[in-house]
N, C-alpha and C. Protein backbone atom coordinates (compact mmCIF):
# COMPACT_ATOMS: atom_id res chain seq x y z
N MET A 1 0.81 -1.41 0.12
CA MET A 1 -0.09 0.03 0.01
C MET A 1 0.93 1.36 -0.09
N PRO A 2 0.65 2.16 -1.14
CA PRO A 2 1.44 3.48 -1.01
C PRO A 2 1.26 4.15 0.43
N THR A 3 2.36 4.96 0.76
CA THR A 3 2.35 5.85 1.95
C THR A 3 2.74 7.11 1.67
N LYS A 4 2.20 8.11 2.07
CA LYS A 4 2.53 9.47 1.83
C LYS A 4 2.97 10.03 3.22
N ILE A 5 4.45 10.53 3.17
CA ILE A 5 4.80 11.31 4.47
C ILE A 5 5.11 12.83 4.39
N PHE A 6 4.99 13.43 5.12
CA PHE A 6 5.40 14.86 5.19
C PHE A 6 6.93 15.09 5.51
N VAL A 7 7.44 15.90 4.70
CA VAL A 7 8.87 16.19 5.07
C VAL A 7 9.01 17.83 5.40
N GLY A 8 9.25 17.99 6.64
CA GLY A 8 9.31 19.66 7.03
C GLY A 8 10.59 20.00 6.96
N ASN A 9 10.91 21.35 6.94
CA ASN A 9 11.79 22.16 7.19
C ASN A 9 12.92 21.93 5.90
N VAL A 10 12.23 21.67 4.99
CA VAL A 10 12.97 21.57 3.15
C VAL A 10 13.64 23.23 3.05
N ALA A 11 14.64 23.15 2.34
CA ALA A 11 15.01 24.32 1.96
C ALA A 11 14.39 24.61 0.77
N VAL A 12 13.82 26.08 1.11
CA VAL A 12 13.07 26.67 -0.19
C VAL A 12 13.36 26.51 -1.47
N ASN A 13 14.75 26.45 -1.73
CA ASN A 13 15.22 26.10 -3.06
C ASN A 13 15.48 24.64 -3.40
N THR A 14 14.83 23.82 -2.89
CA THR A 14 15.18 22.36 -3.04
C THR A 14 14.37 21.97 -4.17
N ALA A 15 15.01 21.52 -5.38
CA ALA A 15 14.42 20.90 -6.26
C ALA A 15 13.68 19.68 -6.20
N ARG A 16 12.64 19.28 -6.82
CA ARG A 16 11.97 17.95 -6.74
C ARG A 16 13.19 17.02 -7.31
N GLU A 17 13.85 17.12 -7.95
CA GLU A 17 14.62 15.97 -8.33
C GLU A 17 15.55 15.91 -7.30
N SER A 18 16.12 16.55 -6.66
CA SER A 18 17.01 16.66 -5.26
C SER A 18 16.37 15.51 -4.46
N MET A 19 15.26 15.95 -3.95
CA MET A 19 14.38 15.15 -3.10
C MET A 19 14.03 13.94 -3.39
N LEU A 20 13.87 13.72 -4.50
CA LEU A 20 13.58 12.33 -5.35
C LEU A 20 14.96 11.36 -5.14
N GLN A 21 16.01 11.88 -5.62
CA GLN A 21 17.14 11.41 -5.54
C GLN A 21 17.69 10.83 -4.28
N LEU A 22 17.35 11.89 -2.99
CA LEU A 22 17.66 11.49 -1.83
C LEU A 22 16.85 10.30 -1.34
N PHE A 23 15.60 10.18 -1.46
CA PHE A 23 14.77 9.03 -1.14
C PHE A 23 15.05 7.84 -2.09
N GLN A 24 15.09 8.20 -3.02
CA GLN A 24 15.20 6.79 -4.01
C GLN A 24 16.61 5.96 -3.80
N ARG A 25 17.61 6.62 -3.14
CA ARG A 25 18.48 5.81 -2.62
C ARG A 25 18.32 4.72 -1.86
N TYR A 26 17.24 4.78 -1.16
CA TYR A 26 16.62 3.65 0.05
C TYR A 26 15.71 2.84 -0.69
N GLY A 27 15.08 3.08 -1.93
CA GLY A 27 13.97 2.35 -2.54
C GLY A 27 13.15 3.00 -3.32
N CYS A 28 12.10 2.38 -3.67
CA CYS A 28 11.18 2.93 -4.61
C CYS A 28 10.36 4.18 -4.18
N VAL A 29 10.59 5.32 -4.84
CA VAL A 29 9.53 6.50 -4.47
C VAL A 29 8.94 6.63 -5.82
N THR A 30 7.65 6.73 -5.56
CA THR A 30 6.72 6.73 -6.72
C THR A 30 6.22 8.23 -6.95
N GLU A 31 6.49 9.08 -6.04
CA GLU A 31 6.01 10.50 -5.99
C GLU A 31 6.53 11.34 -5.12
N CYS A 32 6.77 12.59 -5.54
CA CYS A 32 7.22 13.76 -4.59
C CYS A 32 7.10 15.00 -5.38
N ASP A 33 6.56 15.73 -4.09
CA ASP A 33 6.24 17.24 -4.55
C ASP A 33 6.52 18.07 -3.24
N VAL A 34 7.53 19.06 -3.48
CA VAL A 34 8.19 20.01 -3.07
C VAL A 34 7.32 21.25 -3.17
N LEU A 35 6.85 21.67 -2.03
CA LEU A 35 6.01 22.81 -2.09
C LEU A 35 6.70 23.90 -0.78
N GLY A 36 7.34 24.68 -1.24
CA GLY A 36 7.89 25.64 -0.25
C GLY A 36 9.07 25.13 0.49
N ASN A 37 8.70 25.16 1.73
CA ASN A 37 9.56 24.62 2.71
C ASN A 37 9.32 23.30 3.38
N TYR A 38 8.38 22.63 2.50
CA TYR A 38 8.07 21.37 2.96
C TYR A 38 8.14 20.62 1.69
N ALA A 39 7.65 19.05 2.05
CA ALA A 39 7.38 18.32 0.86
C ALA A 39 6.48 16.94 1.27
N PHE A 40 6.02 16.27 0.09
CA PHE A 40 5.44 14.97 0.45
C PHE A 40 6.03 13.93 -0.52
N VAL A 41 6.29 13.07 0.12
CA VAL A 41 6.92 11.88 -0.54
C VAL A 41 6.17 10.57 -0.45
N VAL A 42 6.06 10.09 -1.58
CA VAL A 42 5.16 8.82 -1.57
C VAL A 42 5.93 7.75 -1.99
N SER A 43 5.97 6.63 -1.20
CA SER A 43 6.48 5.23 -1.71
C SER A 43 5.83 4.05 -1.22
N ILE A 44 6.06 3.08 -1.86
CA ILE A 44 5.37 1.80 -1.89
C ILE A 44 5.58 1.05 -0.48
N ASP A 45 6.83 1.31 0.10
CA ASP A 45 6.92 0.89 1.36
C ASP A 45 7.29 1.76 2.42
N VAL A 46 6.44 1.85 3.50
CA VAL A 46 6.75 2.86 4.67
C VAL A 46 8.23 2.64 5.00
N CYS A 47 8.39 1.41 5.24
CA CYS A 47 9.75 0.90 5.91
C CYS A 47 10.89 1.59 5.40
N ILE A 48 10.85 1.74 3.82
CA ILE A 48 11.68 2.99 3.05
C ILE A 48 12.18 4.10 3.51
N LEU A 49 10.60 4.56 3.59
CA LEU A 49 10.92 6.37 4.07
C LEU A 49 11.30 6.15 5.39
N ILE A 50 10.82 5.72 6.34
CA ILE A 50 11.37 5.87 7.91
C ILE A 50 12.81 5.59 7.80
N SER A 51 13.44 4.44 7.28
CA SER A 51 14.76 4.03 7.31
C SER A 51 15.65 5.43 6.61
N SER A 52 14.82 6.06 5.43
CA SER A 52 15.70 7.09 4.87
C SER A 52 15.70 8.11 5.56
N ILE A 53 14.46 8.76 6.37
CA ILE A 53 14.56 9.96 7.13
C ILE A 53 15.57 9.62 8.38
N VAL A 54 15.54 8.46 9.30
CA VAL A 54 16.72 8.04 9.94
C VAL A 54 17.95 8.24 9.77
N ILE A 55 18.51 7.76 8.32
CA ILE A 55 19.64 7.90 8.11
C ILE A 55 20.03 9.31 7.80
N CYS A 56 18.85 10.21 7.37
CA CYS A 56 19.30 11.47 7.04
C CYS A 56 19.67 12.30 8.27
N TYR A 57 18.61 11.83 9.30
CA TYR A 57 19.25 12.77 10.75
C TYR A 57 20.48 12.20 11.37
N ILE A 58 20.63 10.89 11.09
CA ILE A 58 21.97 10.46 11.46
C ILE A 58 23.16 11.34 11.21
N CYS A 59 23.07 11.45 9.71
CA CYS A 59 24.00 12.00 8.95
C CYS A 59 24.08 13.80 9.70
N LEU A 60 22.90 14.23 9.58
CA LEU A 60 22.86 15.57 10.10
C LEU A 60 23.50 15.71 11.75
N ALA A 61 23.27 14.82 12.35
CA ALA A 61 23.80 14.77 13.85
C ALA A 61 25.22 14.50 13.84
N THR A 62 25.79 13.76 12.76
CA THR A 62 27.27 13.50 12.72
C THR A 62 28.02 14.91 12.20
N VAL A 63 27.51 15.43 11.55
CA VAL A 63 27.98 16.74 10.92
C VAL A 63 27.98 17.80 11.93
N ILE A 64 26.89 18.03 12.93
CA ILE A 64 26.75 18.95 14.04
C ILE A 64 27.81 18.43 14.98
N LEU A 65 27.99 17.02 15.46
CA LEU A 65 28.82 16.76 16.19
C LEU A 65 30.49 17.17 15.79
N PHE A 66 30.45 17.08 14.61
CA PHE A 66 32.02 17.49 14.24
C PHE A 66 32.38 18.76 14.39
N PHE A 67 31.28 19.62 14.08
CA PHE A 67 31.51 21.11 14.29
C PHE A 67 31.69 21.58 15.62
N ILE A 68 30.99 20.73 16.70
CA ILE A 68 31.01 20.85 18.12
C ILE A 68 32.37 20.56 18.49
N VAL A 69 32.93 19.30 17.87
CA VAL A 69 34.18 18.99 18.54
C VAL A 69 35.45 19.87 17.84
N LEU A 70 35.11 20.31 16.58
CA LEU A 70 36.06 21.31 15.93
C LEU A 70 36.00 22.55 16.87
N PHE A 71 35.01 23.10 17.05
CA PHE A 71 34.84 24.13 17.99
C PHE A 71 35.41 24.17 19.34
N ILE A 72 35.28 23.02 19.87
CA ILE A 72 36.07 22.70 21.24
C ILE A 72 37.48 22.64 21.16
N ARG A 73 37.95 21.95 20.32
CA ARG A 73 39.52 21.99 19.85
C ARG A 73 39.98 23.25 19.71
N VAL A 74 39.32 24.30 18.73
CA VAL A 74 39.79 25.66 18.54
C VAL A 74 39.87 26.54 19.77
N ASN A 75 39.06 26.27 20.60
CA ASN A 75 38.98 27.10 21.92
C ASN A 75 39.59 26.45 22.80
């Protein structure tokens, strides 16, 4: 059964193709609509969507942690 999820806090200049590429890394995405600073992504498998979001948050947390460590080392 196709599942549509809401993706918030998307950069306003994010292209539909970029969002599709991001989610298609993890499986079949059938539809993607970017509307300003949010988007809707449709996939056949909800597990694909959830795992891709978790991986994106892990990557973001890693980058933030890197800059915190860098800041501490500089000061």
